[in-house]
């Protein structure tokens, strides 16, 4: 089975969320078949930033919903939006 990299924009739940801590929570709590391969920050406005992460996932049906549900369950995550998808 192949793998794909999903680029996901993660908006913090509020302006007080520490993005370094949030990134570490995401990295340490990923399910075994998911891998964080990149992470950058992008300004959204008014001093707030979002995380733009690349996560390697198995190429299988329903994996996008699984990843979004997982990310939404993490404390400090507000919104999750898949921006791009490419083969690894």
PDB file of N, CA and C in Angstrom:
ATOM      1  N   UNK A   1       0.842  -1.170   0.000  1.00  0.00           N
ATOM      2  CA  UNK A   1       0.000   0.000   0.000  1.00  0.00           C
ATOM      3  C   UNK A   1       0.889   1.235   0.000  1.00  0.00           C
ATOM      4  N   UNK A   2       0.491   2.239  -0.774  1.00  0.00           N
ATOM      5  CA  UNK A   2       1.265   3.468  -0.864  1.00  0.00           C
ATOM      6  C   UNK A   2       0.964   4.423   0.282  1.00  0.00           C
ATOM      7  N   UNK A   3       1.684   5.524   0.280  1.00  0.00           N
ATOM      8  CA  UNK A   3       1.492   6.556   1.293  1.00  0.00           C
ATOM      9  C   UNK A   3       1.318   7.890   0.590  1.00  0.00           C
ATOM     10  N   UNK A   4       0.610   8.787   1.235  1.00  0.00           N
ATOM     11  CA  UNK A   4       0.426  10.144   0.732  1.00  0.00           C
ATOM     12  C   UNK A   4       0.759  11.123   1.852  1.00  0.00           C
ATOM     13  N   UNK A   5       1.111  12.338   1.459  1.00  0.00           N
ATOM     14  CA  UNK A   5       1.352  13.404   2.429  1.00  0.00           C
ATOM     15  C   UNK A   5       0.203  14.387   2.310  1.00  0.00           C
ATOM     16  N   UNK A   6      -0.435  14.636   3.437  1.00  0.00           N
ATOM     17  CA  UNK A   6      -1.520  15.612   3.496  1.00  0.00           C
ATOM     18  C   UNK A   6      -0.973  16.880   4.143  1.00  0.00           C
ATOM     19  N   UNK A   7      -1.186  17.999   3.480  1.00  0.00           N
ATOM     20  CA  UNK A   7      -0.828  19.294   4.044  1.00  0.00           C
ATOM     21  C   UNK A   7      -2.100  19.827   4.697  1.00  0.00           C
ATOM     22  N   UNK A   8      -2.016  20.059   6.003  1.00  0.00           N
ATOM     23  CA  UNK A   8      -3.199  20.426   6.779  1.00  0.00           C
ATOM     24  C   UNK A   8      -2.949  21.747   7.513  1.00  0.00           C
ATOM     25  N   UNK A   9      -3.899  22.670   7.385  1.00  0.00           N
ATOM     26  CA  UNK A   9      -3.840  23.919   8.139  1.00  0.00           C
ATOM     27  C   UNK A   9      -4.599  23.700   9.442  1.00  0.00           C
ATOM     28  N   UNK A  10      -3.918  23.993  10.553  1.00  0.00           N
ATOM     29  CA  UNK A  10      -4.520  23.840  11.871  1.00  0.00           C
ATOM     30  C   UNK A  10      -4.610  25.213  12.504  1.00  0.00           C
ATOM     31  N   UNK A  11      -5.838  25.626  12.770  1.00  0.00           N
ATOM     32  CA  UNK A  11      -6.084  26.912  13.413  1.00  0.00           C
ATOM     33  C   UNK A  11      -6.193  26.668  14.913  1.00  0.00           C
ATOM     34  N   UNK A  12      -5.500  27.465  15.722  1.00  0.00           N
ATOM     35  CA  UNK A  12      -5.620  27.299  17.170  1.00  0.00           C
ATOM     36  C   UNK A  12      -7.026  27.687  17.642  1.00  0.00           C
ATOM     37  N   UNK A  13      -7.448  27.102  18.763  1.00  0.00           N
ATOM     38  CA  UNK A  13      -8.789  27.387  19.285  1.00  0.00           C
ATOM     39  C   UNK A  13      -8.914  28.824  19.787  1.00  0.00           C
ATOM     40  N   UNK A  14      -7.803  29.415  20.225  1.00  0.00           N
ATOM     41  CA  UNK A  14      -7.805  30.832  20.600  1.00  0.00           C
ATOM     42  C   UNK A  14      -6.383  31.380  20.541  1.00  0.00           C
ATOM     43  N   UNK A  15      -6.246  32.678  20.772  1.00  0.00           N
ATOM     44  CA  UNK A  15      -4.945  33.331  20.621  1.00  0.00           C
ATOM     45  C   UNK A  15      -3.953  32.962  21.719  1.00  0.00           C
ATOM     46  N   UNK A  16      -4.403  32.330  22.776  1.00  0.00           N
ATOM     47  CA  UNK A  16      -3.533  31.957  23.891  1.00  0.00           C
ATOM     48  C   UNK A  16      -2.845  30.607  23.698  1.00  0.00           C
ATOM     49  N   UNK A  17      -3.190  29.863  22.654  1.00  0.00           N
ATOM     50  CA  UNK A  17      -2.617  28.536  22.429  1.00  0.00           C
ATOM     51  C   UNK A  17      -1.151  28.671  22.010  1.00  0.00           C
ATOM     52  N   UNK A  18      -0.271  27.964  22.705  1.00  0.00           N
ATOM     53  CA  UNK A  18       1.156  27.936  22.383  1.00  0.00           C
ATOM     54  C   UNK A  18       1.363  26.953  21.228  1.00  0.00           C
ATOM     55  N   UNK A  19       1.748  27.468  20.051  1.00  0.00           N
ATOM     56  CA  UNK A  19       1.884  26.615  18.869  1.00  0.00           C
ATOM     57  C   UNK A  19       3.014  25.602  19.012  1.00  0.00           C
ATOM     58  N   UNK A  20       4.072  25.923  19.759  1.00  0.00           N
ATOM     59  CA  UNK A  20       5.142  24.943  19.984  1.00  0.00           C
ATOM     60  C   UNK A  20       4.616  23.743  20.753  1.00  0.00           C
ATOM     61  N   UNK A  21       3.841  23.988  21.801  1.00  0.00           N
ATOM     62  CA  UNK A  21       3.253  22.901  22.586  1.00  0.00           C
ATOM     63  C   UNK A  21       2.248  22.118  21.753  1.00  0.00           C
ATOM     64  N   UNK A  22       1.462  22.825  20.957  1.00  0.00           N
ATOM     65  CA  UNK A  22       0.468  22.164  20.116  1.00  0.00           C
ATOM     66  C   UNK A  22       1.153  21.246  19.111  1.00  0.00           C
ATOM     67  N   UNK A  23       2.220  21.723  18.488  1.00  0.00           N
ATOM     68  CA  UNK A  23       2.962  20.900  17.534  1.00  0.00           C
ATOM     69  C   UNK A  23       3.511  19.641  18.217  1.00  0.00           C
ATOM     70  N   UNK A  24       4.045  19.781  19.416  1.00  0.00           N
ATOM     71  CA  UNK A  24       4.577  18.617  20.146  1.00  0.00           C
ATOM     72  C   UNK A  24       3.474  17.631  20.505  1.00  0.00           C
ATOM     73  N   UNK A  25       2.288  18.140  20.898  1.00  0.00           N
ATOM     74  CA  UNK A  25       1.165  17.240  21.201  1.00  0.00           C
ATOM     75  C   UNK A  25       0.767  16.464  19.960  1.00  0.00           C
ATOM     76  N   UNK A  26       0.722  17.149  18.825  1.00  0.00           N
ATOM     77  CA  UNK A  26       0.364  16.478  17.576  1.00  0.00           C
ATOM     78  C   UNK A  26       1.398  15.409  17.252  1.00  0.00           C
ATOM     79  N   UNK A  27       2.670  15.756  17.332  1.00  0.00           N
ATOM     80  CA  UNK A  27       3.761  14.828  17.008  1.00  0.00           C
ATOM     81  C   UNK A  27       3.734  13.586  17.917  1.00  0.00           C
ATOM     82  N   UNK A  28       3.561  13.801  19.204  1.00  0.00           N
ATOM     83  CA  UNK A  28       3.654  12.691  20.156  1.00  0.00           C
ATOM     84  C   UNK A  28       2.404  11.824  20.197  1.00  0.00           C
ATOM     85  N   UNK A  29       1.265  12.360  19.764  1.00  0.00           N
ATOM     86  CA  UNK A  29       0.019  11.607  19.883  1.00  0.00           C
ATOM     87  C   UNK A  29      -0.473  11.017  18.570  1.00  0.00           C
ATOM     88  N   UNK A  30       0.297  11.172  17.486  1.00  0.00           N
ATOM     89  CA  UNK A  30      -0.156  10.624  16.203  1.00  0.00           C
ATOM     90  C   UNK A  30      -0.292   9.109  16.277  1.00  0.00           C
ATOM     91  N   UNK A  31      -1.345   8.558  15.679  1.00  0.00           N
ATOM     92  CA  UNK A  31      -1.463   7.100  15.602  1.00  0.00           C
ATOM     93  C   UNK A  31      -0.255   6.504  14.880  1.00  0.00           C
ATOM     94  N   UNK A  32       0.030   5.236  15.108  1.00  0.00           N
ATOM     95  CA  UNK A  32       1.225   4.578  14.592  1.00  0.00           C
ATOM     96  C   UNK A  32       1.421   4.646  13.093  1.00  0.00           C
ATOM     97  N   UNK A  33       0.331   4.710  12.311  1.00  0.00           N
ATOM     98  CA  UNK A  33       0.474   4.724  10.859  1.00  0.00           C
ATOM     99  C   UNK A  33       0.518   6.142  10.282  1.00  0.00           C
ATOM    100  N   UNK A  34       0.519   7.174  11.142  1.00  0.00           N
ATOM    101  CA  UNK A  34       0.634   8.564  10.715  1.00  0.00           C
ATOM    102  C   UNK A  34       1.991   9.092  11.160  1.00  0.00           C
ATOM    103  N   UNK A  35       2.636   9.940  10.322  1.00  0.00           N
ATOM    104  CA  UNK A  35       3.931  10.542  10.684  1.00  0.00           C
ATOM    105  C   UNK A  35       3.924  12.026  10.326  1.00  0.00           C
ATOM    106  N   UNK A  36       4.341  12.862  11.270  1.00  0.00           N
ATOM    107  CA  UNK A  36       4.495  14.286  11.011  1.00  0.00           C
ATOM    108  C   UNK A  36       5.811  14.469  10.257  1.00  0.00           C
ATOM    109  N   UNK A  37       5.745  15.014   9.033  1.00  0.00           N
ATOM    110  CA  UNK A  37       6.959  15.154   8.225  1.00  0.00           C
ATOM    111  C   UNK A  37       7.398  16.609   8.052  1.00  0.00           C
ATOM    112  N   UNK A  38       6.499  17.550   8.319  1.00  0.00           N
ATOM    113  CA  UNK A  38       6.883  18.963   8.227  1.00  0.00           C
ATOM    114  C   UNK A  38       5.926  19.812   9.051  1.00  0.00           C
ATOM    115  N   UNK A  39       6.402  20.986   9.443  1.00  0.00           N
ATOM    116  CA  UNK A  39       5.564  21.910  10.197  1.00  0.00           C
ATOM    117  C   UNK A  39       6.105  23.325  10.009  1.00  0.00           C
ATOM    118  N   UNK A  40       5.220  24.237   9.628  1.00  0.00           N
ATOM    119  CA  UNK A  40       5.573  25.647   9.514  1.00  0.00           C
ATOM    120  C   UNK A  40       4.442  26.468  10.121  1.00  0.00           C
ATOM    121  N   UNK A  41       4.719  27.713  10.340  1.00  0.00           N
ATOM    122  CA  UNK A  41       3.707  28.637  10.863  1.00  0.00           C
ATOM    123  C   UNK A  41       3.419  29.684   9.794  1.00  0.00           C
ATOM    124  N   UNK A  42       2.152  30.055   9.714  1.00  0.00           N
ATOM    125  CA  UNK A  42       1.752  31.107   8.777  1.00  0.00           C
ATOM    126  C   UNK A  42       0.898  32.129   9.502  1.00  0.00           C
ATOM    127  N   UNK A  43       1.185  33.403   9.298  1.00  0.00           N
ATOM    128  CA  UNK A  43       0.365  34.440   9.933  1.00  0.00           C
ATOM    129  C   UNK A  43      -1.057  34.425   9.371  1.00  0.00           C
ATOM    130  N   UNK A  44      -2.018  34.646  10.257  1.00  0.00           N
ATOM    131  CA  UNK A  44      -3.411  34.730   9.807  1.00  0.00           C
ATOM    132  C   UNK A  44      -3.905  36.170   9.907  1.00  0.00           C
ATOM    133  N   UNK A  45      -3.339  36.918  10.817  1.00  0.00           N
ATOM    134  CA  UNK A  45      -3.745  38.312  11.012  1.00  0.00           C
ATOM    135  C   UNK A  45      -3.906  38.620  12.488  1.00  0.00           C
ATOM    136  N   UNK A  46      -3.782  39.888  12.820  1.00  0.00           N
ATOM    137  CA  UNK A  46      -3.940  40.353  14.196  1.00  0.00           C
ATOM    138  C   UNK A  46      -3.002  39.623  15.159  1.00  0.00           C
ATOM    139  N   UNK A  47      -1.798  39.269  14.680  1.00  0.00           N
ATOM    140  CA  UNK A  47      -0.800  38.617  15.526  1.00  0.00           C
ATOM    141  C   UNK A  47      -0.994  37.125  15.707  1.00  0.00           C
ATOM    142  N   UNK A  48      -2.031  36.543  15.128  1.00  0.00           N
ATOM    143  CA  UNK A  48      -2.267  35.100  15.256  1.00  0.00           C
ATOM    144  C   UNK A  48      -1.590  34.349  14.122  1.00  0.00           C
ATOM    145  N   UNK A  49      -1.230  33.104  14.405  1.00  0.00           N
ATOM    146  CA  UNK A  49      -0.619  32.229  13.410  1.00  0.00           C
ATOM    147  C   UNK A  49      -1.364  30.903  13.382  1.00  0.00           C
ATOM    148  N   UNK A  50      -1.236  30.211  12.251  1.00  0.00           N
ATOM    149  CA  UNK A  50      -1.754  28.852  12.130  1.00  0.00           C
ATOM    150  C   UNK A  50      -0.569  27.923  11.902  1.00  0.00           C
ATOM    151  N   UNK A  51      -0.782  26.650  12.169  1.00  0.00           N
ATOM    152  CA  UNK A  51       0.222  25.633  11.845  1.00  0.00           C
ATOM    153  C   UNK A  51      -0.127  25.040  10.497  1.00  0.00           C
ATOM    154  N   UNK A  52       0.864  24.867   9.658  1.00  0.00           N
ATOM    155  CA  UNK A  52       0.694  24.182   8.389  1.00  0.00           C
ATOM    156  C   UNK A  52       1.575  22.946   8.485  1.00  0.00           C
ATOM    157  N   UNK A  53       0.951  21.770   8.630  1.00  0.00           N
ATOM    158  CA  UNK A  53       1.706  20.547   8.870  1.00  0.00           C
ATOM    159  C   UNK A  53       1.565  19.589   7.703  1.00  0.00           C
ATOM    160  N   UNK A  54       2.618  18.831   7.465  1.00  0.00           N
ATOM    161  CA  UNK A  54       2.591  17.746   6.488  1.00  0.00           C
ATOM    162  C   UNK A  54       2.571  16.440   7.265  1.00  0.00           C
ATOM    163  N   UNK A  55       1.577  15.609   7.007  1.00  0.00           N
ATOM    164  CA  UNK A  55       1.448  14.344   7.713  1.00  0.00           C
ATOM    165  C   UNK A  55       1.371  13.225   6.685  1.00  0.00           C
ATOM    166  N   UNK A  56       2.277  12.267   6.822  1.00  0.00           N
ATOM    167  CA  UNK A  56       2.303  11.098   5.948  1.00  0.00           C
ATOM    168  C   UNK A  56       1.296  10.084   6.485  1.00  0.00           C
ATOM    169  N   UNK A  57       0.400   9.644   5.599  1.00  0.00           N
ATOM    170  CA  UNK A  57      -0.658   8.705   5.989  1.00  0.00           C
ATOM    171  C   UNK A  57      -0.740   7.584   4.952  1.00  0.00           C
ATOM    172  N   UNK A  58      -1.280   6.416   5.334  1.00  0.00           N
ATOM    173  CA  UNK A  58      -1.467   5.351   4.352  1.00  0.00           C
ATOM    174  C   UNK A  58      -2.508   5.772   3.306  1.00  0.00           C
ATOM    175  N   UNK A  59      -2.300   5.355   2.087  1.00  0.00           N
ATOM    176  CA  UNK A  59      -3.238   5.680   1.014  1.00  0.00           C
ATOM    177  C   UNK A  59      -4.381   4.669   1.061  1.00  0.00           C
ATOM    178  N   UNK A  60      -5.437   5.054   1.766  1.00  0.00           N
ATOM    179  CA  UNK A  60      -6.591   4.177   1.912  1.00  0.00           C
ATOM    180  C   UNK A  60      -7.851   5.015   2.052  1.00  0.00           C
ATOM    181  N   UNK A  61      -8.973   4.400   1.765  1.00  0.00           N
ATOM    182  CA  UNK A  61     -10.243   5.108   1.829  1.00  0.00           C
ATOM    183  C   UNK A  61     -10.563   5.526   3.261  1.00  0.00           C
ATOM    184  N   UNK A  62     -11.045   6.748   3.428  1.00  0.00           N
ATOM    185  CA  UNK A  62     -11.456   7.252   4.728  1.00  0.00           C
ATOM    186  C   UNK A  62     -10.348   7.833   5.579  1.00  0.00           C
ATOM    187  N   UNK A  63      -9.112   7.846   5.074  1.00  0.00           N
ATOM    188  CA  UNK A  63      -7.998   8.324   5.883  1.00  0.00           C
ATOM    189  C   UNK A  63      -8.079   9.826   6.142  1.00  0.00           C
ATOM    190  N   UNK A  64      -8.647  10.593   5.222  1.00  0.00           N
ATOM    191  CA  UNK A  64      -8.778  12.033   5.421  1.00  0.00           C
ATOM    192  C   UNK A  64      -9.692  12.320   6.616  1.00  0.00           C
ATOM    193  N   UNK A  65     -10.846  11.660   6.654  1.00  0.00           N
ATOM    194  CA  UNK A  65     -11.766  11.849   7.781  1.00  0.00           C
ATOM    195  C   UNK A  65     -11.130  11.401   9.084  1.00  0.00           C
ATOM    196  N   UNK A  66     -10.410  10.296   9.045  1.00  0.00           N
ATOM    197  CA  UNK A  66      -9.738   9.785  10.244  1.00  0.00           C
ATOM    198  C   UNK A  66      -8.731  10.797  10.780  1.00  0.00           C
ATOM    199  N   UNK A  67      -7.929  11.383   9.880  1.00  0.00           N
ATOM    200  CA  UNK A  67      -6.929  12.368  10.281  1.00  0.00           C
ATOM    201  C   UNK A  67      -7.596  13.623  10.838  1.00  0.00           C
ATOM    202  N   UNK A  68      -8.607  14.133  10.158  1.00  0.00           N
ATOM    203  CA  UNK A  68      -9.299  15.336  10.628  1.00  0.00           C
ATOM    204  C   UNK A  68      -9.918  15.107  12.002  1.00  0.00           C
ATOM    205  N   UNK A  69     -10.583  13.960  12.196  1.00  0.00           N
ATOM    206  CA  UNK A  69     -11.189  13.650  13.496  1.00  0.00           C
ATOM    207  C   UNK A  69     -10.134  13.570  14.582  1.00  0.00           C
ATOM    208  N   UNK A  70      -9.014  12.938  14.277  1.00  0.00           N
ATOM    209  CA  UNK A  70      -7.933  12.824  15.248  1.00  0.00           C
ATOM    210  C   UNK A  70      -7.424  14.213  15.648  1.00  0.00           C
ATOM    211  N   UNK A  71      -7.137  15.060  14.651  1.00  0.00           N
ATOM    212  CA  UNK A  71      -6.586  16.389  14.939  1.00  0.00           C
ATOM    213  C   UNK A  71      -7.570  17.244  15.730  1.00  0.00           C
ATOM    214  N   UNK A  72      -8.859  17.159  15.412  1.00  0.00           N
ATOM    215  CA  UNK A  72      -9.866  17.940  16.138  1.00  0.00           C
ATOM    216  C   UNK A  72      -9.977  17.519  17.602  1.00  0.00           C
ATOM    217  N   UNK A  73      -9.565  16.301  17.921  1.00  0.00           N
ATOM    218  CA  UNK A  73      -9.676  15.809  19.300  1.00  0.00           C
ATOM    219  C   UNK A  73      -8.553  16.334  20.203  1.00  0.00           C
ATOM    220  N   UNK A  74      -7.548  16.977  19.629  1.00  0.00           N
ATOM    221  CA  UNK A  74      -6.409  17.467  20.406  1.00  0.00           C
ATOM    222  C   UNK A  74      -6.742  18.824  21.022  1.00  0.00           C
ATOM    223  N   UNK A  75      -6.447  18.968  22.297  1.00  0.00           N
ATOM    224  CA  UNK A  75      -6.691  20.217  23.007  1.00  0.00           C
ATOM    225  C   UNK A  75      -5.894  21.360  22.358  1.00  0.00           C
ATOM    226  N   UNK A  76      -6.574  22.464  22.106  1.00  0.00           N
ATOM    227  CA  UNK A  76      -5.926  23.630  21.508  1.00  0.00           C
ATOM    228  C   UNK A  76      -6.176  23.769  20.020  1.00  0.00           C
ATOM    229  N   UNK A  77      -6.717  22.717  19.386  1.00  0.00           N
ATOM    230  CA  UNK A  77      -7.010  22.767  17.950  1.00  0.00           C
ATOM    231  C   UNK A  77      -8.408  23.335  17.757  1.00  0.00           C
ATOM    232  N   UNK A  78      -8.511  24.384  16.939  1.00  0.00           N
ATOM    233  CA  UNK A  78      -9.804  24.980  16.625  1.00  0.00           C
ATOM    234  C   UNK A  78     -10.376  24.386  15.354  1.00  0.00           C
ATOM    235  N   UNK A  79      -9.819  24.782  14.214  1.00  0.00           N
ATOM    236  CA  UNK A  79     -10.283  24.296  12.915  1.00  0.00           C
ATOM    237  C   UNK A  79      -9.170  23.520  12.222  1.00  0.00           C
ATOM    238  N   UNK A  80      -9.588  22.574  11.382  1.00  0.00           N
ATOM    239  CA  UNK A  80      -8.657  21.754  10.605  1.00  0.00           C
ATOM    240  C   UNK A  80      -9.112  21.793   9.158  1.00  0.00           C
ATOM    241  N   UNK A  81      -8.168  22.074   8.252  1.00  0.00           N
ATOM    242  CA  UNK A  81      -8.516  22.119   6.833  1.00  0.00           C
ATOM    243  C   UNK A  81      -7.392  21.471   6.022  1.00  0.00           C
ATOM    244  N   UNK A  82      -7.742  20.455   5.239  1.00  0.00           N
ATOM    245  CA  UNK A  82      -6.756  19.816   4.354  1.00  0.00           C
ATOM    246  C   UNK A  82      -6.547  20.743   3.172  1.00  0.00           C
ATOM    247  N   UNK A  83      -5.291  21.171   2.968  1.00  0.00           N
ATOM    248  CA  UNK A  83      -4.959  22.125   1.908  1.00  0.00           C
ATOM    249  C   UNK A  83      -4.488  21.427   0.635  1.00  0.00           C
ATOM    250  N   UNK A  84      -3.778  20.304   0.791  1.00  0.00           N
ATOM    251  CA  UNK A  84      -3.212  19.622  -0.376  1.00  0.00           C
ATOM    252  C   UNK A  84      -2.939  18.159  -0.025  1.00  0.00           C
ATOM    253  N   UNK A  85      -2.775  17.381  -1.061  1.00  0.00           N
ATOM    254  CA  UNK A  85      -2.520  15.951  -0.930  1.00  0.00           C
ATOM    255  C   UNK A  85      -1.576  15.546  -2.053  1.00  0.00           C
ATOM    256  N   UNK A  86      -0.503  14.813  -1.720  1.00  0.00           N
ATOM    257  CA  UNK A  86       0.403  14.356  -2.772  1.00  0.00           C
ATOM    258  C   UNK A  86       0.987  13.004  -2.390  1.00  0.00           C
ATOM    259  N   UNK A  87       1.382  12.256  -3.386  1.00  0.00           N
ATOM    260  CA  UNK A  87       2.026  10.961  -3.116  1.00  0.00           C
ATOM    261  C   UNK A  87       3.399  11.198  -2.511  1.00  0.00           C
ATOM    262  N   UNK A  88       3.763  10.325  -1.629  1.00  0.00           N
ATOM    263  CA  UNK A  88       5.059  10.435  -0.948  1.00  0.00           C
ATOM    264  C   UNK A  88       6.177   9.965  -1.841  1.00  0.00           C
TER     265      UNK A  88
END
